[in-house]
Amino acid sequence: MGEFDLIARYFTRSVRPDGAAVLGVGDDCALLAPAPGMQLAISSDMLVEGRHFFADVDPEALGHKALAVNLSDLAACGARPLAFTLALSLPRVDEPWLAGFARGMWRLADAHGCELVGGDTTQGPLNICITVFGEVPPGRALLRSGARPGDDLYVSGTLGDARLALEALLGRITLPAEVLAHARQRLERPTPRVALGLQLRGIASSAMDLSDGLVGDVSHILKASGAGAVINAEIAISLIAASAYSCSASGTLDAELARRCTLSGGDDYELAFTAPPGQRAAVAAAAAASGTAVTRIGTVVAEPGLALVDGSGQPLANRYASFDHFQ
């Protein structure tokens, strides 16, 4: 099978008449028509075999995740998905693998009304790069730079389960089968919080998606905003869903492991966001409207830096760092 046959079979569909794409796959450029007055939100993410996923990962799950991590960036901006491009490097043409990958990708794309409008394919090490396009009204995008002292700090969903799965798959820990199955689902099929991001427009003062770990990613918000924050670490580590399962002979998840997974684990693809205390009812309404749980885990303060405290407000050593590709 040649390159163009591959594209035609697995990655070409007619554009939706009600979508933003005027012209999709097949020409040298795609044509997008955002709604009048809207701004484009654009983001790219790359997934590399051996760095971001295991060689034996289910291709359908990989197709889902490749698009999900990009949609998560749109969610953090409060943007509605429109379209995406796919650049795909393949060691060889493996039709069952391609069918599964495309199936997972198309299913998530259809759920968010997001069209594949172009890209590239080549032979080489397995590497997936998606660029996603969304739209947001002028002045309504959620940014990292808007957090202010006194704001509440929230996270969506659960934290730490993806890292827990990674630790088990790397052979560093052993988990009961039911715990690993749940955690692996969070690692390989994250849920982009697009609906929540849209609901938070006009409510949240800042936002970011959690891809590299809570401590590091929240620090990016604080740096951009010129502020600091205090996080209740006990609340944060309670958000690891695996804590509901029996993970050891004592029936509990090791406390230090839970801290590492939730505070610096990465691959959660939840949203961290801030909002003034006067917006608590609005935040609760946004969570309900989007069907997404949110938890208040801390407070923005004037003094720069990120501090961790325990359940009684006593300081904890912050020895947790997020993932960095070059460290």
C-alpha atoms as a PDB file:
ATOM      1  CA  MET A   1       0.000   0.000   0.000  1.00  0.00           C
ATOM      2  CA  GLY A   2       1.374   3.406  -0.991  1.00  0.00           C
ATOM      3  CA  GLU A   3       1.280   6.634   1.002  1.00  0.00           C
ATOM      4  CA  PHE A   4      -1.722   8.122  -0.783  1.00  0.00           C
ATOM      5  CA  ASP A   5      -3.672   4.872  -0.661  1.00  0.00           C
ATOM      6  CA  LEU A   6      -3.006   4.759   3.098  1.00  0.00           C
ATOM      7  CA  ILE A   7      -4.277   8.322   3.557  1.00  0.00           C
ATOM      8  CA  ALA A   8      -7.337   7.677   1.423  1.00  0.00           C
ATOM      9  CA  ARG A   9      -8.268   4.452   3.210  1.00  0.00           C
ATOM     10  CA  TYR A  10      -7.729   5.448   6.851  1.00  0.00           C
ATOM     11  CA  PHE A  11      -7.631   9.235   7.133  1.00  0.00           C
ATOM     12  CA  THR A  12      -9.948  10.730   4.506  1.00  0.00           C
ATOM     13  CA  ARG A  13     -13.619  11.576   4.973  1.00  0.00           C
ATOM     14  CA  SER A  14     -15.917  14.203   3.510  1.00  0.00           C
ATOM     15  CA  VAL A  15     -16.068  17.383   5.565  1.00  0.00           C
ATOM     16  CA  ARG A  16     -19.238  17.903   7.580  1.00  0.00           C
ATOM     17  CA  PRO A  17     -21.561  20.494   6.002  1.00  0.00           C
ATOM     18  CA  ASP A  18     -22.127  22.123   9.413  1.00  0.00           C
ATOM     19  CA  GLY A  19     -18.432  22.198  10.387  1.00  0.00           C
ATOM     20  CA  ALA A  20     -15.724  24.847  10.190  1.00  0.00           C
ATOM     21  CA  ALA A  21     -13.779  23.074   7.436  1.00  0.00           C
ATOM     22  CA  VAL A  22     -14.506  24.370   3.956  1.00  0.00           C
ATOM     23  CA  LEU A  23     -11.866  22.145   2.383  1.00  0.00           C
ATOM     24  CA  GLY A  24     -10.314  19.115   4.057  1.00  0.00           C
ATOM     25  CA  VAL A  25      -7.861  16.356   3.131  1.00  0.00           C
ATOM     26  CA  GLY A  26      -6.669  16.174  -0.480  1.00  0.00           C
ATOM     27  CA  ASP A  27      -5.294  19.593  -1.410  1.00  0.00           C
ATOM     28  CA  ASP A  28      -2.065  21.333  -0.441  1.00  0.00           C
ATOM     29  CA  CYS A  29      -3.863  23.324   2.254  1.00  0.00           C
ATOM     30  CA  ALA A  30      -7.109  22.948   4.198  1.00  0.00           C
ATOM     31  CA  LEU A  31      -9.536  25.852   4.455  1.00  0.00           C
ATOM     32  CA  LEU A  32     -11.223  26.721   7.765  1.00  0.00           C
ATOM     33  CA  ALA A  33     -13.998  29.222   8.324  1.00  0.00           C
ATOM     34  CA  PRO A  34     -14.371  30.049  12.042  1.00  0.00           C
ATOM     35  CA  ALA A  35     -17.606  31.699  13.106  1.00  0.00           C
ATOM     36  CA  PRO A  36     -17.617  35.455  12.424  1.00  0.00           C
ATOM     37  CA  GLY A  37     -15.699  37.440  15.053  1.00  0.00           C
ATOM     38  CA  MET A  38     -14.064  34.400  16.634  1.00  0.00           C
ATOM     39  CA  GLN A  39     -10.343  33.958  17.290  1.00  0.00           C
ATOM     40  CA  LEU A  40      -8.467  30.765  16.397  1.00  0.00           C
ATOM     41  CA  ALA A  41      -6.873  28.757  19.216  1.00  0.00           C
ATOM     42  CA  ILE A  42      -4.064  26.490  17.959  1.00  0.00           C
ATOM     43  CA  SER A  43      -1.960  23.870  19.748  1.00  0.00           C
ATOM     44  CA  SER A  44       0.366  20.989  18.820  1.00  0.00           C
ATOM     45  CA  ASP A  45       1.452  17.893  20.732  1.00  0.00           C
ATOM     46  CA  MET A  46       3.788  15.093  19.711  1.00  0.00           C
ATOM     47  CA  LEU A  47       3.738  11.482  20.926  1.00  0.00           C
ATOM     48  CA  VAL A  48       6.908   9.425  20.422  1.00  0.00           C
ATOM     49  CA  GLU A  49       7.115   5.654  20.847  1.00  0.00           C
ATOM     50  CA  GLY A  50       9.174   4.730  23.888  1.00  0.00           C
ATOM     51  CA  ARG A  51       8.861   8.240  25.280  1.00  0.00           C
ATOM     52  CA  HIS A  52       5.116   8.805  25.509  1.00  0.00           C
ATOM     53  CA  PHE A  53       3.714   5.316  24.967  1.00  0.00           C
ATOM     54  CA  PHE A  54       4.759   1.660  25.016  1.00  0.00           C
ATOM     55  CA  ALA A  55       5.353  -0.229  21.775  1.00  0.00           C
ATOM     56  CA  ASP A  56       2.581  -2.710  22.590  1.00  0.00           C
ATOM     57  CA  VAL A  57      -0.112  -0.128  23.383  1.00  0.00           C
ATOM     58  CA  ASP A  58      -3.557  -0.811  21.937  1.00  0.00           C
ATOM     59  CA  PRO A  59      -3.583   1.232  18.692  1.00  0.00           C
ATOM     60  CA  GLU A  60      -7.201   2.257  19.275  1.00  0.00           C
ATOM     61  CA  ALA A  61      -6.226   3.694  22.663  1.00  0.00           C
ATOM     62  CA  LEU A  62      -3.259   5.456  21.058  1.00  0.00           C
ATOM     63  CA  GLY A  63      -5.482   7.040  18.413  1.00  0.00           C
ATOM     64  CA  HIS A  64      -7.731   8.302  21.204  1.00  0.00           C
ATOM     65  CA  LYS A  65      -4.872   9.669  23.301  1.00  0.00           C
ATOM     66  CA  ALA A  66      -3.087  11.356  20.397  1.00  0.00           C
ATOM     67  CA  LEU A  67      -6.114  13.554  19.819  1.00  0.00           C
ATOM     68  CA  ALA A  68      -7.182  13.787  23.465  1.00  0.00           C
ATOM     69  CA  VAL A  69      -3.976  15.457  24.636  1.00  0.00           C
ATOM     70  CA  ASN A  70      -4.493  18.181  22.029  1.00  0.00           C
ATOM     71  CA  LEU A  71      -8.168  18.669  22.835  1.00  0.00           C
ATOM     72  CA  SER A  72      -7.082  19.066  26.462  1.00  0.00           C
ATOM     73  CA  ASP A  73      -5.089  22.159  25.443  1.00  0.00           C
ATOM     74  CA  LEU A  74      -8.186  23.636  23.801  1.00  0.00           C
ATOM     75  CA  ALA A  75     -10.145  22.861  26.970  1.00  0.00           C
ATOM     76  CA  ALA A  76      -7.607  24.786  29.051  1.00  0.00           C
ATOM     77  CA  CYS A  77      -8.087  27.768  26.741  1.00  0.00           C
ATOM     78  CA  GLY A  78     -11.886  27.585  26.815  1.00  0.00           C
ATOM     79  CA  ALA A  79     -11.950  26.970  23.054  1.00  0.00           C
ATOM     80  CA  ARG A  80     -14.424  24.936  21.030  1.00  0.00           C
ATOM     81  CA  PRO A  81     -12.714  22.323  18.795  1.00  0.00           C
ATOM     82  CA  LEU A  82     -12.977  22.821  15.040  1.00  0.00           C
ATOM     83  CA  ALA A  83     -10.402  20.718  13.202  1.00  0.00           C
ATOM     84  CA  PHE A  84      -6.981  19.083  13.394  1.00  0.00           C
ATOM     85  CA  THR A  85      -4.067  17.902  11.269  1.00  0.00           C
ATOM     86  CA  LEU A  86      -2.132  14.653  11.708  1.00  0.00           C
ATOM     87  CA  ALA A  87       1.550  14.111  10.934  1.00  0.00           C
ATOM     88  CA  LEU A  88       2.305  10.407  11.221  1.00  0.00           C
ATOM     89  CA  SER A  89       5.655   8.624  10.910  1.00  0.00           C
ATOM     90  CA  LEU A  90       5.306   4.832  10.539  1.00  0.00           C
ATOM     91  CA  PRO A  91       8.001   2.135  10.476  1.00  0.00           C
ATOM     92  CA  ARG A  92       5.862   0.136   8.014  1.00  0.00           C
ATOM     93  CA  VAL A  93       2.300  -0.191   6.749  1.00  0.00           C
ATOM     94  CA  ASP A  94       0.451  -2.328   9.316  1.00  0.00           C
ATOM     95  CA  GLU A  95      -3.196  -2.302   8.264  1.00  0.00           C
ATOM     96  CA  PRO A  96      -4.733  -3.794  11.456  1.00  0.00           C
ATOM     97  CA  TRP A  97      -2.741  -1.253  13.504  1.00  0.00           C
ATOM     98  CA  LEU A  98      -3.838   1.620  11.251  1.00  0.00           C
ATOM     99  CA  ALA A  99      -7.474   0.528  11.420  1.00  0.00           C
ATOM    100  CA  GLY A 100      -7.410   0.504  15.220  1.00  0.00           C
ATOM    101  CA  PHE A 101      -5.554   3.801  15.473  1.00  0.00           C
ATOM    102  CA  ALA A 102      -7.954   5.510  13.078  1.00  0.00           C
ATOM    103  CA  ARG A 103     -10.983   4.045  14.858  1.00  0.00           C
ATOM    104  CA  GLY A 104      -9.917   5.456  18.236  1.00  0.00           C
ATOM    105  CA  MET A 105      -9.062   8.820  16.738  1.00  0.00           C
ATOM    106  CA  TRP A 106     -12.282   9.132  14.714  1.00  0.00           C
ATOM    107  CA  ARG A 107     -14.458   8.176  17.676  1.00  0.00           C
ATOM    108  CA  LEU A 108     -13.080  11.006  19.827  1.00  0.00           C
ATOM    109  CA  ALA A 109     -13.054  13.438  16.901  1.00  0.00           C
ATOM    110  CA  ASP A 110     -16.731  12.765  16.224  1.00  0.00           C
ATOM    111  CA  ALA A 111     -17.600  13.195  19.903  1.00  0.00           C
ATOM    112  CA  HIS A 112     -16.194  16.740  19.757  1.00  0.00           C
ATOM    113  CA  GLY A 113     -17.183  17.709  16.214  1.00  0.00           C
ATOM    114  CA  CYS A 114     -13.506  18.054  15.281  1.00  0.00           C
ATOM    115  CA  GLU A 115     -12.482  17.242  11.690  1.00  0.00           C
ATOM    116  CA  LEU A 116      -9.222  15.905  10.320  1.00  0.00           C
ATOM    117  CA  VAL A 117      -8.312  18.365   7.552  1.00  0.00           C
ATOM    118  CA  GLY A 118      -4.756  17.437   6.535  1.00  0.00           C
ATOM    119  CA  GLY A 119      -1.284  16.447   7.632  1.00  0.00           C
ATOM    120  CA  ASP A 120       1.529  14.230   6.403  1.00  0.00           C
ATOM    121  CA  THR A 121       2.730  10.624   6.449  1.00  0.00           C
ATOM    122  CA  THR A 122       6.251   9.285   6.137  1.00  0.00           C
ATOM    123  CA  GLN A 123       8.283   6.169   6.901  1.00  0.00           C
ATOM    124  CA  GLY A 124      10.363   6.253  10.076  1.00  0.00           C
ATOM    125  CA  PRO A 125      10.178   5.599  13.833  1.00  0.00           C
ATOM    126  CA  LEU A 126       6.606   5.679  15.136  1.00  0.00           C
ATOM    127  CA  ASN A 127       5.847   9.323  15.880  1.00  0.00           C
ATOM    128  CA  ILE A 128       2.476  11.112  16.016  1.00  0.00           C
ATOM    129  CA  CYS A 129       2.071  14.875  15.876  1.00  0.00           C
ATOM    130  CA  ILE A 130      -1.366  16.499  15.915  1.00  0.00           C
ATOM    131  CA  THR A 131      -2.134  20.192  15.557  1.00  0.00           C
ATOM    132  CA  VAL A 132      -5.602  21.157  16.708  1.00  0.00           C
ATOM    133  CA  PHE A 133      -7.642  24.260  15.880  1.00  0.00           C
ATOM    134  CA  GLY A 134     -10.416  25.733  17.990  1.00  0.00           C
ATOM    135  CA  GLU A 135     -12.349  28.970  18.275  1.00  0.00           C
ATOM    136  CA  VAL A 136     -12.977  31.317  21.173  1.00  0.00           C
ATOM    137  CA  PRO A 137     -14.623  34.759  21.397  1.00  0.00           C
ATOM    138  CA  PRO A 138     -12.148  37.674  21.599  1.00  0.00           C
ATOM    139  CA  GLY A 139     -11.165  38.417  25.182  1.00  0.00           C
ATOM    140  CA  ARG A 140     -12.768  35.227  26.506  1.00  0.00           C
ATOM    141  CA  ALA A 141      -9.871  32.776  26.229  1.00  0.00           C
ATOM    142  CA  LEU A 142      -8.693  31.236  29.489  1.00  0.00           C
ATOM    143  CA  LEU A 143      -5.013  32.088  30.020  1.00  0.00           C
ATOM    144  CA  ARG A 144      -2.327  31.140  32.532  1.00  0.00           C
ATOM    145  CA  SER A 145      -1.679  34.743  33.469  1.00  0.00           C
ATOM    146  CA  GLY A 146      -4.887  35.780  35.245  1.00  0.00           C
ATOM    147  CA  ALA A 147      -4.557  34.264  38.737  1.00  0.00           C
ATOM    148  CA  ARG A 148      -4.753  36.840  41.530  1.00  0.00           C
ATOM    149  CA  PRO A 149      -4.053  36.651  45.286  1.00  0.00           C
ATOM    150  CA  GLY A 150      -7.128  35.402  47.087  1.00  0.00           C
ATOM    151  CA  ASP A 151      -8.344  33.286  44.175  1.00  0.00           C
ATOM    152  CA  ASP A 152      -9.356  29.694  44.836  1.00  0.00           C
ATOM    153  CA  LEU A 153      -7.325  26.977  43.117  1.00  0.00           C
ATOM    154  CA  TYR A 154      -9.250  24.030  41.656  1.00  0.00           C
ATOM    155  CA  VAL A 155      -8.593  20.822  39.744  1.00  0.00           C
ATOM    156  CA  SER A 156     -11.029  18.732  37.748  1.00  0.00           C
ATOM    157  CA  GLY A 157     -11.566  15.003  37.957  1.00  0.00           C
ATOM    158  CA  THR A 158      -9.016  12.699  39.550  1.00  0.00           C
ATOM    159  CA  LEU A 159      -5.229  12.878  39.756  1.00  0.00           C
ATOM    160  CA  GLY A 160      -2.387  10.389  39.868  1.00  0.00           C
ATOM    161  CA  ASP A 161      -3.897   7.251  38.385  1.00  0.00           C
ATOM    162  CA  ALA A 162      -2.040   7.572  35.075  1.00  0.00           C
ATOM    163  CA  ARG A 163       1.301   7.739  36.890  1.00  0.00           C
ATOM    164  CA  LEU A 164       0.272   4.816  39.083  1.00  0.00           C
ATOM    165  CA  ALA A 165      -0.298   2.743  35.941  1.00  0.00           C
ATOM    166  CA  LEU A 166       3.059   3.818  34.540  1.00  0.00           C
ATOM    167  CA  GLU A 167       4.873   2.772  37.710  1.00  0.00           C
ATOM    168  CA  ALA A 168       3.244  -0.659  37.473  1.00  0.00           C
ATOM    169  CA  LEU A 169       3.894  -1.096  33.748  1.00  0.00           C
ATOM    170  CA  LEU A 170       7.550  -0.207  34.290  1.00  0.00           C
ATOM    171  CA  GLY A 171       7.733  -2.950  36.944  1.00  0.00           C
ATOM    172  CA  ARG A 172       8.473  -0.596  39.826  1.00  0.00           C
ATOM    173  CA  ILE A 173       5.364  -1.549  41.797  1.00  0.00           C
ATOM    174  CA  THR A 174       2.800  -4.343  41.739  1.00  0.00           C
ATOM    175  CA  LEU A 175      -0.910  -3.555  41.647  1.00  0.00           C
ATOM    176  CA  PRO A 176      -3.981  -5.774  41.902  1.00  0.00           C
ATOM    177  CA  ALA A 177      -5.460  -6.459  38.470  1.00  0.00           C
ATOM    178  CA  GLU A 178      -8.570  -4.325  39.026  1.00  0.00           C
ATOM    179  CA  VAL A 179      -6.481  -1.333  40.142  1.00  0.00           C
ATOM    180  CA  LEU A 180      -4.116  -1.610  37.181  1.00  0.00           C
ATOM    181  CA  ALA A 181      -7.016  -1.927  34.739  1.00  0.00           C
ATOM    182  CA  HIS A 182      -8.608   1.275  36.057  1.00  0.00           C
ATOM    183  CA  ALA A 183      -5.339   3.192  36.238  1.00  0.00           C
ATOM    184  CA  ARG A 184      -4.259   2.070  32.764  1.00  0.00           C
ATOM    185  CA  GLN A 185      -7.520   3.390  31.349  1.00  0.00           C
ATOM    186  CA  ARG A 186      -6.638   6.823  32.766  1.00  0.00           C
ATOM    187  CA  LEU A 187      -3.134   6.601  31.272  1.00  0.00           C
ATOM    188  CA  GLU A 188      -4.124   5.461  27.799  1.00  0.00           C
ATOM    189  CA  ARG A 189      -7.584   7.019  27.326  1.00  0.00           C
ATOM    190  CA  PRO A 190      -7.619  10.410  29.103  1.00  0.00           C
ATOM    191  CA  THR A 191     -10.791  12.519  28.968  1.00  0.00           C
ATOM    192  CA  PRO A 192     -10.254  16.022  27.569  1.00  0.00           C
ATOM    193  CA  ARG A 193     -12.325  18.437  29.683  1.00  0.00           C
ATOM    194  CA  VAL A 194     -13.596  20.477  26.745  1.00  0.00           C
ATOM    195  CA  ALA A 195     -17.108  20.930  28.145  1.00  0.00           C
ATOM    196  CA  LEU A 196     -15.757  22.236  31.446  1.00  0.00           C
ATOM    197  CA  GLY A 197     -13.386  24.638  29.712  1.00  0.00           C
ATOM    198  CA  LEU A 198     -16.264  26.136  27.746  1.00  0.00           C
ATOM    199  CA  GLN A 199     -18.359  26.503  30.889  1.00  0.00           C
ATOM    200  CA  LEU A 200     -15.511  28.245  32.739  1.00  0.00           C
ATOM    201  CA  ARG A 201     -15.256  31.127  30.278  1.00  0.00           C
ATOM    202  CA  GLY A 202     -16.006  34.314  32.185  1.00  0.00           C
ATOM    203  CA  ILE A 203     -15.655  32.487  35.528  1.00  0.00           C
ATOM    204  CA  ALA A 204     -12.074  31.205  35.817  1.00  0.00           C
ATOM    205  CA  SER A 205      -9.290  33.755  36.133  1.00  0.00           C
ATOM    206  CA  SER A 206      -6.647  31.353  34.781  1.00  0.00           C
ATOM    207  CA  ALA A 207      -6.383  27.762  33.588  1.00  0.00           C
ATOM    208  CA  MET A 208      -3.967  25.115  32.354  1.00  0.00           C
ATOM    209  CA  ASP A 209      -4.201  21.440  31.544  1.00  0.00           C
ATOM    210  CA  LEU A 210      -2.300  19.006  33.759  1.00  0.00           C
ATOM    211  CA  SER A 211       0.046  17.085  31.486  1.00  0.00           C
ATOM    212  CA  ASP A 212       3.342  17.050  33.403  1.00  0.00           C
ATOM    213  CA  GLY A 213       2.199  16.977  37.039  1.00  0.00           C
ATOM    214  CA  LEU A 214       0.184  19.158  39.413  1.00  0.00           C
ATOM    215  CA  VAL A 215       3.078  20.913  41.188  1.00  0.00           C
ATOM    216  CA  GLY A 216       4.951  21.824  38.027  1.00  0.00           C
ATOM    217  CA  ASP A 217       1.934  22.781  35.954  1.00  0.00           C
ATOM    218  CA  VAL A 218       0.393  24.978  38.668  1.00  0.00           C
ATOM    219  CA  SER A 219       3.819  26.614  38.984  1.00  0.00           C
ATOM    220  CA  HIS A 220       3.509  27.678  35.332  1.00  0.00           C
ATOM    221  CA  ILE A 221       0.242  29.448  36.156  1.00  0.00           C
ATOM    222  CA  LEU A 222       1.851  31.158  39.131  1.00  0.00           C
ATOM    223  CA  LYS A 223       4.895  32.282  37.151  1.00  0.00           C
ATOM    224  CA  ALA A 224       2.725  33.710  34.368  1.00  0.00           C
ATOM    225  CA  SER A 225       0.496  35.446  36.939  1.00  0.00           C
ATOM    226  CA  GLY A 226       3.296  36.759  39.160  1.00  0.00           C
ATOM    227  CA  ALA A 227       1.789  35.071  42.210  1.00  0.00           C
ATOM    228  CA  GLY A 228       2.183  32.111  44.562  1.00  0.00           C
ATOM    229  CA  ALA A 229      -0.146  29.478  45.971  1.00  0.00           C
ATOM    230  CA  VAL A 230      -0.739  27.185  48.911  1.00  0.00           C
ATOM    231  CA  ILE A 231      -1.994  23.672  48.098  1.00  0.00           C
ATOM    232  CA  ASN A 232      -3.567  21.341  50.624  1.00  0.00           C
ATOM    233  CA  ALA A 233      -1.632  18.200  49.752  1.00  0.00           C
ATOM    234  CA  GLU A 234      -3.998  15.945  51.695  1.00  0.00           C
ATOM    235  CA  ILE A 235      -6.929  17.041  49.542  1.00  0.00           C
ATOM    236  CA  ALA A 236      -4.860  16.620  46.394  1.00  0.00           C
ATOM    237  CA  ILE A 237      -3.736  13.078  47.179  1.00  0.00           C
ATOM    238  CA  SER A 238      -7.299  12.076  48.056  1.00  0.00           C
ATOM    239  CA  LEU A 239      -8.111  12.592  44.364  1.00  0.00           C
ATOM    240  CA  ILE A 240      -6.282   9.479  43.209  1.00  0.00           C
ATOM    241  CA  ALA A 241      -9.166   7.201  42.279  1.00  0.00           C
ATOM    242  CA  ALA A 242      -7.126   4.069  42.997  1.00  0.00           C
ATOM    243  CA  SER A 243      -7.298   4.899  46.701  1.00  0.00           C
ATOM    244  CA  ALA A 244     -10.797   3.441  46.598  1.00  0.00           C
ATOM    245  CA  TYR A 245      -9.303   0.035  45.771  1.00  0.00           C
ATOM    246  CA  SER A 246      -7.379  -2.380  47.948  1.00  0.00           C
ATOM    247  CA  CYS A 247      -3.767  -1.870  46.895  1.00  0.00           C
ATOM    248  CA  SER A 248      -1.846  -3.678  49.595  1.00  0.00           C
ATOM    249  CA  ALA A 249      -2.236  -6.170  52.390  1.00  0.00           C
ATOM    250  CA  SER A 250      -3.474  -3.332  54.597  1.00  0.00           C
ATOM    251  CA  GLY A 251      -6.053  -2.339  51.990  1.00  0.00           C
ATOM    252  CA  THR A 252      -4.582   1.119  51.394  1.00  0.00           C
ATOM    253  CA  LEU A 253      -2.395   2.832  48.850  1.00  0.00           C
ATOM    254  CA  ASP A 254       1.089   3.693  50.116  1.00  0.00           C
ATOM    255  CA  ALA A 255       0.949   7.347  51.206  1.00  0.00           C
ATOM    256  CA  GLU A 256       4.256   8.443  49.666  1.00  0.00           C
ATOM    257  CA  LEU A 257       3.418   6.714  46.392  1.00  0.00           C
ATOM    258  CA  ALA A 258       0.057   8.507  46.358  1.00  0.00           C
ATOM    259  CA  ARG A 259       1.811  11.852  46.906  1.00  0.00           C
ATOM    260  CA  ARG A 260       4.278  11.238  44.073  1.00  0.00           C
ATOM    261  CA  CYS A 261       1.542  10.174  41.690  1.00  0.00           C
ATOM    262  CA  THR A 262      -0.860  13.019  42.418  1.00  0.00           C
ATOM    263  CA  LEU A 263       1.587  15.881  42.971  1.00  0.00           C
ATOM    264  CA  SER A 264       4.126  15.162  40.247  1.00  0.00           C
ATOM    265  CA  GLY A 265       2.777  12.263  38.218  1.00  0.00           C
ATOM    266  CA  GLY A 266       1.670  13.765  34.916  1.00  0.00           C
ATOM    267  CA  ASP A 267      -0.534  12.446  32.097  1.00  0.00           C
ATOM    268  CA  ASP A 268      -3.717  13.375  33.991  1.00  0.00           C
ATOM    269  CA  TYR A 269      -5.047  15.800  31.350  1.00  0.00           C
ATOM    270  CA  GLU A 270      -7.339  17.384  33.891  1.00  0.00           C
ATOM    271  CA  LEU A 271      -7.730  21.157  34.255  1.00  0.00           C
ATOM    272  CA  ALA A 272      -6.135  23.259  36.979  1.00  0.00           C
ATOM    273  CA  PHE A 273      -7.829  26.638  37.232  1.00  0.00           C
ATOM    274  CA  THR A 274      -8.319  29.600  39.540  1.00  0.00           C
ATOM    275  CA  ALA A 275     -11.370  31.706  40.285  1.00  0.00           C
ATOM    276  CA  PRO A 276     -12.292  34.408  42.802  1.00  0.00           C
ATOM    277  CA  PRO A 277     -14.105  33.154  45.943  1.00  0.00           C
ATOM    278  CA  GLY A 278     -17.182  35.056  44.832  1.00  0.00           C
ATOM    279  CA  GLN A 279     -17.422  32.666  41.865  1.00  0.00           C
ATOM    280  CA  ARG A 280     -17.754  29.466  43.903  1.00  0.00           C
ATOM    281  CA  ALA A 281     -21.420  29.013  43.032  1.00  0.00           C
ATOM    282  CA  ALA A 282     -20.651  29.687  39.365  1.00  0.00           C
ATOM    283  CA  VAL A 283     -17.806  27.145  39.422  1.00  0.00           C
ATOM    284  CA  ALA A 284     -20.139  24.560  40.945  1.00  0.00           C
ATOM    285  CA  ALA A 285     -22.717  25.299  38.259  1.00  0.00           C
ATOM    286  CA  ALA A 286     -20.078  24.993  35.509  1.00  0.00           C
ATOM    287  CA  ALA A 287     -18.980  21.643  36.921  1.00  0.00           C
ATOM    288  CA  ALA A 288     -22.560  20.388  37.028  1.00  0.00           C
ATOM    289  CA  ALA A 289     -23.354  21.639  33.528  1.00  0.00           C
ATOM    290  CA  SER A 290     -20.285  19.902  32.091  1.00  0.00           C
ATOM    291  CA  GLY A 291     -20.728  16.714  34.110  1.00  0.00           C
ATOM    292  CA  THR A 292     -17.228  17.098  35.551  1.00  0.00           C
ATOM    293  CA  ALA A 293     -16.278  16.961  39.218  1.00  0.00           C
ATOM    294  CA  VAL A 294     -14.062  19.795  40.463  1.00  0.00           C
ATOM    295  CA  THR A 295     -12.261  20.107  43.802  1.00  0.00           C
ATOM    296  CA  ARG A 296     -10.906  23.214  45.530  1.00  0.00           C
ATOM    297  CA  ILE A 297      -7.375  22.321  46.599  1.00  0.00           C
ATOM    298  CA  GLY A 298      -5.741  25.616  47.525  1.00  0.00           C
ATOM    299  CA  THR A 299      -5.475  29.377  47.420  1.00  0.00           C
ATOM    300  CA  VAL A 300      -3.484  31.865  45.356  1.00  0.00           C
ATOM    301  CA  VAL A 301      -1.274  34.144  47.478  1.00  0.00           C
ATOM    302  CA  ALA A 302       0.836  37.228  46.785  1.00  0.00           C
ATOM    303  CA  GLU A 303       4.193  35.754  47.780  1.00  0.00           C
ATOM    304  CA  PRO A 304       5.768  33.912  44.836  1.00  0.00           C
ATOM    305  CA  GLY A 305       6.300  30.169  45.066  1.00  0.00           C
ATOM    306  CA  LEU A 306       4.220  27.066  45.692  1.00  0.00           C
ATOM    307  CA  ALA A 307       3.788  25.810  49.243  1.00  0.00           C
ATOM    308  CA  LEU A 308       2.275  22.509  50.362  1.00  0.00           C
ATOM    309  CA  VAL A 309       0.429  22.064  53.654  1.00  0.00           C
ATOM    310  CA  ASP A 310      -1.157  19.093  55.379  1.00  0.00           C
ATOM    311  CA  GLY A 311      -4.792  18.768  56.420  1.00  0.00           C
ATOM    312  CA  SER A 312      -4.251  20.943  59.505  1.00  0.00           C
ATOM    313  CA  GLY A 313      -2.441  23.665  57.578  1.00  0.00           C
ATOM    314  CA  GLN A 314       1.082  22.690  58.677  1.00  0.00           C
ATOM    315  CA  PRO A 315       3.852  23.146  56.066  1.00  0.00           C
ATOM    316  CA  LEU A 316       5.116  20.112  54.153  1.00  0.00           C
ATOM    317  CA  ALA A 317       8.413  19.801  52.324  1.00  0.00           C
ATOM    318  CA  ASN A 318       7.833  20.377  48.614  1.00  0.00           C
ATOM    319  CA  ARG A 319      10.159  17.808  47.065  1.00  0.00           C
ATOM    320  CA  TYR A 320       7.905  17.046  44.123  1.00  0.00           C
ATOM    321  CA  ALA A 321       8.937  18.010  40.610  1.00  0.00           C
ATOM    322  CA  SER A 322       7.051  17.525  37.375  1.00  0.00           C
ATOM    323  CA  PHE A 323       8.232  15.757  34.246  1.00  0.00           C
ATOM    324  CA  ASP A 324      10.714  17.540  31.980  1.00  0.00           C
ATOM    325  CA  HIS A 325      11.854  15.988  28.673  1.00  0.00           C
ATOM    326  CA  PHE A 326      15.372  17.371  29.024  1.00  0.00           C
ATOM    327  CA  GLN A 327      16.087  16.785  32.701  1.00  0.00           C
END
